[in-house]
Amino acid sequence: MNHRRAVLLEVLALAAALCLPALATAQDTSTETTPPRAASDFRPLSELPDKPVPQPAGGWHQRKEDPQQPQPTARVPGRRSGAEYSHRFWDKQNAWLFAGVGAVRVLDFTSTQNFRRRGRDEVLLTNEIVDNEPLFAVIEAGAWATSVGISYVFHRTNHHKLERWTSYLHIGIGGFGAVRNYCLKTNPNPAHPEP
């Protein structure tokens, strides 16, 4: 059992190591950069006028371009920035993602019941909880509802990439766990035989 926990912790650590860099930059949706300011734009405080000085018409983009200065990137037509991006929570993509999360939860339920019938022990929950099918089904439904709830919190706080990534990660990790459950070998000497 300790070996299984160690393997589970390694898998979770690997998933976190792979996903955290993507999540850290998930909200960087800026497509425009601020223009670099020339040294002539800055003056000592003693030389500043009492009133604002009118700037030449046209702004920074009509100055001579220096090839060594980084140029601002143009906005891609048809693509919205993070502040402008908005969608309904139950749009088509989220509906499919939540259906995928539900399918993974059902797959986890069936794979866990399968390996319990083959004499394997549950690692994350107690065997008594897993063997009580109605209770385990409620826990699986609660896991789905929690995933949808976390996505909704990200949606309401305008973290739309994290909203989608919550479901992507849930589907990936849950699918991996369910496949792993089906791949476990039957225990020839179960500690607790089936009632």
C-alpha atoms as a PDB file:
ATOM      1  CA  MET A   1       0.000   0.000   0.000  1.00  0.00           C
ATOM      2  CA  ASN A   2       2.878   2.400   0.748  1.00  0.00           C
ATOM      3  CA  HIS A   3       4.274   1.707  -2.707  1.00  0.00           C
ATOM      4  CA  ARG A   4       0.955   2.732  -4.282  1.00  0.00           C
ATOM      5  CA  ARG A   5       0.884   5.963  -2.325  1.00  0.00           C
ATOM      6  CA  ALA A   6       4.441   6.716  -3.364  1.00  0.00           C
ATOM      7  CA  VAL A   7       3.536   6.098  -7.014  1.00  0.00           C
ATOM      8  CA  LEU A   8       0.430   8.269  -6.659  1.00  0.00           C
ATOM      9  CA  LEU A   9       2.445  11.098  -5.108  1.00  0.00           C
ATOM     10  CA  GLU A  10       5.009  10.837  -7.911  1.00  0.00           C
ATOM     11  CA  VAL A  11       2.259  11.042 -10.532  1.00  0.00           C
ATOM     12  CA  LEU A  12       0.694  14.064  -8.822  1.00  0.00           C
ATOM     13  CA  ALA A  13       4.068  15.773  -8.509  1.00  0.00           C
ATOM     14  CA  LEU A  14       4.774  15.130 -12.192  1.00  0.00           C
ATOM     15  CA  ALA A  15       1.361  16.485 -13.189  1.00  0.00           C
ATOM     16  CA  ALA A  16       1.928  19.591 -11.069  1.00  0.00           C
ATOM     17  CA  ALA A  17       5.402  20.115 -12.519  1.00  0.00           C
ATOM     18  CA  LEU A  18       4.056  19.851 -16.056  1.00  0.00           C
ATOM     19  CA  CYS A  19       0.981  22.010 -15.515  1.00  0.00           C
ATOM     20  CA  LEU A  20       2.148  24.801 -13.212  1.00  0.00           C
ATOM     21  CA  PRO A  21       4.227  26.626 -15.844  1.00  0.00           C
ATOM     22  CA  ALA A  22       1.251  26.587 -18.204  1.00  0.00           C
ATOM     23  CA  LEU A  23      -1.065  27.842 -15.484  1.00  0.00           C
ATOM     24  CA  ALA A  24       1.362  30.578 -14.452  1.00  0.00           C
ATOM     25  CA  THR A  25       1.256  32.055 -17.948  1.00  0.00           C
ATOM     26  CA  ALA A  26      -2.360  31.135 -18.672  1.00  0.00           C
ATOM     27  CA  GLN A  27      -3.615  34.655 -18.046  1.00  0.00           C
ATOM     28  CA  ASP A  28      -0.921  36.486 -20.028  1.00  0.00           C
ATOM     29  CA  THR A  29      -3.170  37.543 -22.888  1.00  0.00           C
ATOM     30  CA  SER A  30      -1.522  40.832 -23.779  1.00  0.00           C
ATOM     31  CA  THR A  31      -1.088  41.189 -27.515  1.00  0.00           C
ATOM     32  CA  GLU A  32       0.122  44.762 -27.514  1.00  0.00           C
ATOM     33  CA  THR A  33       3.257  46.177 -25.950  1.00  0.00           C
ATOM     34  CA  THR A  34       3.813  49.676 -24.674  1.00  0.00           C
ATOM     35  CA  PRO A  35       6.149  51.696 -26.852  1.00  0.00           C
ATOM     36  CA  PRO A  36       9.668  52.334 -25.658  1.00  0.00           C
ATOM     37  CA  ARG A  37      10.293  55.882 -24.533  1.00  0.00           C
ATOM     38  CA  ALA A  38      13.177  57.854 -25.963  1.00  0.00           C
ATOM     39  CA  ALA A  39      15.713  59.496 -23.663  1.00  0.00           C
ATOM     40  CA  SER A  40      14.566  62.912 -24.928  1.00  0.00           C
ATOM     41  CA  ASP A  41      11.139  62.290 -23.363  1.00  0.00           C
ATOM     42  CA  PHE A  42      12.587  62.555 -19.857  1.00  0.00           C
ATOM     43  CA  ARG A  43      13.585  65.851 -18.253  1.00  0.00           C
ATOM     44  CA  PRO A  44      14.921  66.689 -14.799  1.00  0.00           C
ATOM     45  CA  LEU A  45      12.332  67.993 -12.329  1.00  0.00           C
ATOM     46  CA  SER A  46      13.932  71.451 -12.355  1.00  0.00           C
ATOM     47  CA  GLU A  47      13.137  71.825 -16.075  1.00  0.00           C
ATOM     48  CA  LEU A  48       9.482  70.772 -15.886  1.00  0.00           C
ATOM     49  CA  PRO A  49       6.971  73.522 -16.706  1.00  0.00           C
ATOM     50  CA  ASP A  50       4.164  74.557 -14.373  1.00  0.00           C
ATOM     51  CA  LYS A  51       1.569  73.732 -17.019  1.00  0.00           C
ATOM     52  CA  PRO A  52       1.342  70.712 -19.322  1.00  0.00           C
ATOM     53  CA  VAL A  53       3.163  71.142 -22.606  1.00  0.00           C
ATOM     54  CA  PRO A  54       1.117  70.151 -25.669  1.00  0.00           C
ATOM     55  CA  GLN A  55       2.560  67.127 -27.468  1.00  0.00           C
ATOM     56  CA  PRO A  56       2.804  66.938 -31.255  1.00  0.00           C
ATOM     57  CA  ALA A  57      -0.228  65.354 -32.893  1.00  0.00           C
ATOM     58  CA  GLY A  58       0.035  61.712 -33.786  1.00  0.00           C
ATOM     59  CA  GLY A  59       1.660  60.292 -30.653  1.00  0.00           C
ATOM     60  CA  TRP A  60       4.529  57.859 -30.398  1.00  0.00           C
ATOM     61  CA  HIS A  61       3.774  55.835 -33.518  1.00  0.00           C
ATOM     62  CA  GLN A  62       4.690  58.732 -35.861  1.00  0.00           C
ATOM     63  CA  ARG A  63       8.217  59.137 -34.544  1.00  0.00           C
ATOM     64  CA  LYS A  64      11.164  57.868 -36.555  1.00  0.00           C
ATOM     65  CA  GLU A  65      11.530  54.163 -35.995  1.00  0.00           C
ATOM     66  CA  ASP A  66      14.813  52.970 -34.610  1.00  0.00           C
ATOM     67  CA  PRO A  67      15.573  49.459 -35.996  1.00  0.00           C
ATOM     68  CA  GLN A  68      17.271  48.503 -32.715  1.00  0.00           C
ATOM     69  CA  GLN A  69      14.216  49.355 -30.620  1.00  0.00           C
ATOM     70  CA  PRO A  70      11.647  46.563 -30.191  1.00  0.00           C
ATOM     71  CA  GLN A  71       8.490  47.332 -32.155  1.00  0.00           C
ATOM     72  CA  PRO A  72       5.027  46.806 -30.720  1.00  0.00           C
ATOM     73  CA  THR A  73       3.236  43.744 -32.024  1.00  0.00           C
ATOM     74  CA  ALA A  74       0.140  44.245 -34.107  1.00  0.00           C
ATOM     75  CA  ARG A  75      -3.149  42.928 -32.866  1.00  0.00           C
ATOM     76  CA  VAL A  76      -4.296  39.822 -34.692  1.00  0.00           C
ATOM     77  CA  PRO A  77      -7.647  40.519 -36.360  1.00  0.00           C
ATOM     78  CA  GLY A  78     -10.447  38.336 -35.042  1.00  0.00           C
ATOM     79  CA  ARG A  79      -8.606  37.527 -31.819  1.00  0.00           C
ATOM     80  CA  ARG A  80      -9.709  39.161 -28.608  1.00  0.00           C
ATOM     81  CA  SER A  81      -7.492  39.946 -25.655  1.00  0.00           C
ATOM     82  CA  GLY A  82      -8.243  38.538 -22.195  1.00  0.00           C
ATOM     83  CA  ALA A  83     -10.009  41.689 -21.024  1.00  0.00           C
ATOM     84  CA  GLU A  84     -12.259  41.652 -24.089  1.00  0.00           C
ATOM     85  CA  TYR A  85     -12.843  37.873 -24.113  1.00  0.00           C
ATOM     86  CA  SER A  86     -16.158  36.879 -22.644  1.00  0.00           C
ATOM     87  CA  HIS A  87     -18.414  33.908 -23.176  1.00  0.00           C
ATOM     88  CA  ARG A  88     -21.422  32.280 -21.620  1.00  0.00           C
ATOM     89  CA  PHE A  89     -20.497  29.779 -18.913  1.00  0.00           C
ATOM     90  CA  TRP A  90     -22.545  26.964 -20.462  1.00  0.00           C
ATOM     91  CA  ASP A  91     -21.221  27.506 -23.977  1.00  0.00           C
ATOM     92  CA  LYS A  92     -20.590  24.607 -26.342  1.00  0.00           C
ATOM     93  CA  GLN A  93     -16.965  24.066 -25.321  1.00  0.00           C
ATOM     94  CA  ASN A  94     -17.710  24.021 -21.586  1.00  0.00           C
ATOM     95  CA  ALA A  95     -20.678  21.698 -22.135  1.00  0.00           C
ATOM     96  CA  TRP A  96     -18.383  19.215 -23.863  1.00  0.00           C
ATOM     97  CA  LEU A  97     -15.692  19.631 -21.217  1.00  0.00           C
ATOM     98  CA  PHE A  98     -18.152  19.056 -18.368  1.00  0.00           C
ATOM     99  CA  ALA A  99     -19.544  16.016 -20.196  1.00  0.00           C
ATOM    100  CA  GLY A 100     -15.958  14.747 -20.450  1.00  0.00           C
ATOM    101  CA  VAL A 101     -15.418  15.289 -16.736  1.00  0.00           C
ATOM    102  CA  GLY A 102     -18.669  13.396 -16.054  1.00  0.00           C
ATOM    103  CA  ALA A 103     -17.555  10.538 -18.305  1.00  0.00           C
ATOM    104  CA  VAL A 104     -14.216  10.344 -16.507  1.00  0.00           C
ATOM    105  CA  ARG A 105     -15.997  10.244 -13.139  1.00  0.00           C
ATOM    106  CA  VAL A 106     -18.196   7.368 -14.366  1.00  0.00           C
ATOM    107  CA  LEU A 107     -15.104   5.604 -15.708  1.00  0.00           C
ATOM    108  CA  ASP A 108     -13.384   6.091 -12.349  1.00  0.00           C
ATOM    109  CA  PHE A 109     -16.419   4.648 -10.557  1.00  0.00           C
ATOM    110  CA  THR A 110     -16.544   1.543 -12.762  1.00  0.00           C
ATOM    111  CA  SER A 111     -12.769   0.986 -12.750  1.00  0.00           C
ATOM    112  CA  THR A 112     -12.613   1.304  -8.969  1.00  0.00           C
ATOM    113  CA  GLN A 113     -15.498  -1.161  -8.517  1.00  0.00           C
ATOM    114  CA  ASN A 114     -13.742  -3.502 -10.963  1.00  0.00           C
ATOM    115  CA  PHE A 115     -10.446  -3.564  -9.129  1.00  0.00           C
ATOM    116  CA  ARG A 116     -12.195  -3.925  -5.757  1.00  0.00           C
ATOM    117  CA  ARG A 117     -13.937  -7.058  -7.089  1.00  0.00           C
ATOM    118  CA  ARG A 118     -10.484  -8.335  -8.076  1.00  0.00           C
ATOM    119  CA  GLY A 119      -9.210  -8.002  -4.501  1.00  0.00           C
ATOM    120  CA  ARG A 120      -7.319  -4.695  -4.768  1.00  0.00           C
ATOM    121  CA  ASP A 121      -7.432  -2.027  -2.049  1.00  0.00           C
ATOM    122  CA  GLU A 122      -8.430   1.599  -2.576  1.00  0.00           C
ATOM    123  CA  VAL A 123      -5.660   4.109  -1.841  1.00  0.00           C
ATOM    124  CA  LEU A 124      -7.394   7.496  -1.658  1.00  0.00           C
ATOM    125  CA  LEU A 125     -10.605   6.456   0.125  1.00  0.00           C
ATOM    126  CA  THR A 126     -11.348   3.669   2.551  1.00  0.00           C
ATOM    127  CA  ASN A 127     -12.527   0.347   1.152  1.00  0.00           C
ATOM    128  CA  GLU A 128     -15.750   0.674   3.153  1.00  0.00           C
ATOM    129  CA  ILE A 129     -16.662   3.882   1.305  1.00  0.00           C
ATOM    130  CA  VAL A 130     -15.839   2.403  -2.111  1.00  0.00           C
ATOM    131  CA  ASP A 131     -17.764  -0.806  -1.361  1.00  0.00           C
ATOM    132  CA  ASN A 132     -20.871   1.251  -0.476  1.00  0.00           C
ATOM    133  CA  GLU A 133     -21.910   1.920  -4.090  1.00  0.00           C
ATOM    134  CA  PRO A 134     -24.564   4.619  -3.444  1.00  0.00           C
ATOM    135  CA  LEU A 135     -22.165   6.588  -1.226  1.00  0.00           C
ATOM    136  CA  PHE A 136     -19.328   6.217  -3.722  1.00  0.00           C
ATOM    137  CA  ALA A 137     -21.632   7.372  -6.555  1.00  0.00           C
ATOM    138  CA  VAL A 138     -22.505  10.495  -4.533  1.00  0.00           C
ATOM    139  CA  ILE A 139     -18.789  11.175  -3.975  1.00  0.00           C
ATOM    140  CA  GLU A 140     -18.133  10.856  -7.715  1.00  0.00           C
ATOM    141  CA  ALA A 141     -21.040  13.225  -8.482  1.00  0.00           C
ATOM    142  CA  GLY A 142     -19.623  15.627  -5.882  1.00  0.00           C
ATOM    143  CA  ALA A 143     -16.236  15.504  -7.624  1.00  0.00           C
ATOM    144  CA  TRP A 144     -17.942  16.460 -10.903  1.00  0.00           C
ATOM    145  CA  ALA A 145     -19.884  19.272  -9.214  1.00  0.00           C
ATOM    146  CA  THR A 146     -16.688  20.549  -7.550  1.00  0.00           C
ATOM    147  CA  SER A 147     -14.913  20.651 -10.910  1.00  0.00           C
ATOM    148  CA  VAL A 148     -17.795  22.590 -12.480  1.00  0.00           C
ATOM    149  CA  GLY A 149     -17.874  24.912  -9.450  1.00  0.00           C
ATOM    150  CA  ILE A 150     -14.156  25.674  -9.666  1.00  0.00           C
ATOM    151  CA  SER A 151     -14.566  26.397 -13.376  1.00  0.00           C
ATOM    152  CA  TYR A 152     -17.443  28.732 -12.564  1.00  0.00           C
ATOM    153  CA  VAL A 153     -15.339  30.647 -10.025  1.00  0.00           C
ATOM    154  CA  PHE A 154     -12.626  31.092 -12.664  1.00  0.00           C
ATOM    155  CA  HIS A 155     -15.280  32.173 -15.176  1.00  0.00           C
ATOM    156  CA  ARG A 156     -16.728  34.808 -12.848  1.00  0.00           C
ATOM    157  CA  THR A 157     -13.262  36.207 -12.110  1.00  0.00           C
ATOM    158  CA  ASN A 158     -12.425  36.407 -15.856  1.00  0.00           C
ATOM    159  CA  HIS A 159      -9.785  33.660 -15.718  1.00  0.00           C
ATOM    160  CA  HIS A 160     -11.168  31.916 -18.784  1.00  0.00           C
ATOM    161  CA  LYS A 161      -8.058  29.896 -19.606  1.00  0.00           C
ATOM    162  CA  LEU A 162      -7.955  28.515 -16.066  1.00  0.00           C
ATOM    163  CA  GLU A 163     -11.683  27.809 -16.378  1.00  0.00           C
ATOM    164  CA  ARG A 164     -10.973  25.510 -19.326  1.00  0.00           C
ATOM    165  CA  TRP A 165      -7.756  24.076 -17.860  1.00  0.00           C
ATOM    166  CA  THR A 166      -9.619  22.909 -14.767  1.00  0.00           C
ATOM    167  CA  SER A 167     -11.607  20.510 -16.939  1.00  0.00           C
ATOM    168  CA  TYR A 168      -8.620  19.559 -19.096  1.00  0.00           C
ATOM    169  CA  LEU A 169      -6.611  18.554 -16.028  1.00  0.00           C
ATOM    170  CA  HIS A 170      -9.554  16.743 -14.442  1.00  0.00           C
ATOM    171  CA  ILE A 171     -10.131  14.727 -17.618  1.00  0.00           C
ATOM    172  CA  GLY A 172      -6.431  13.943 -18.047  1.00  0.00           C
ATOM    173  CA  ILE A 173      -5.667  12.942 -14.483  1.00  0.00           C
ATOM    174  CA  GLY A 174      -8.981  11.108 -14.003  1.00  0.00           C
ATOM    175  CA  GLY A 175      -8.588   9.246 -17.287  1.00  0.00           C
ATOM    176  CA  PHE A 176      -5.056   8.220 -16.359  1.00  0.00           C
ATOM    177  CA  GLY A 177      -6.255   6.940 -12.977  1.00  0.00           C
ATOM    178  CA  ALA A 178      -9.131   4.970 -14.489  1.00  0.00           C
ATOM    179  CA  VAL A 179      -6.893   3.326 -17.099  1.00  0.00           C
ATOM    180  CA  ARG A 180      -4.401   2.513 -14.373  1.00  0.00           C
ATOM    181  CA  ASN A 181      -7.164   0.915 -12.278  1.00  0.00           C
ATOM    182  CA  TYR A 182      -8.120  -1.356 -15.167  1.00  0.00           C
ATOM    183  CA  CYS A 183      -4.457  -2.283 -15.731  1.00  0.00           C
ATOM    184  CA  LEU A 184      -3.874  -3.457 -12.156  1.00  0.00           C
ATOM    185  CA  LYS A 185      -3.414  -7.202 -11.833  1.00  0.00           C
ATOM    186  CA  THR A 186      -5.812  -9.285  -9.799  1.00  0.00           C
ATOM    187  CA  ASN A 187      -4.665  -9.858  -6.240  1.00  0.00           C
ATOM    188  CA  PRO A 188      -4.519 -13.651  -5.727  1.00  0.00           C
ATOM    189  CA  ASN A 189      -4.658 -13.333  -1.923  1.00  0.00           C
ATOM    190  CA  PRO A 190      -7.096 -10.522  -1.032  1.00  0.00           C
ATOM    191  CA  ALA A 191      -6.846  -9.377   2.574  1.00  0.00           C
ATOM    192  CA  HIS A 192     -10.609  -8.871   2.726  1.00  0.00           C
ATOM    193  CA  PRO A 193     -12.539 -11.361   0.618  1.00  0.00           C
ATOM    194  CA  GLU A 194     -15.735 -10.197  -1.047  1.00  0.00           C
ATOM    195  CA  PRO A 195     -18.816 -10.592   1.224  1.00  0.00           C
END
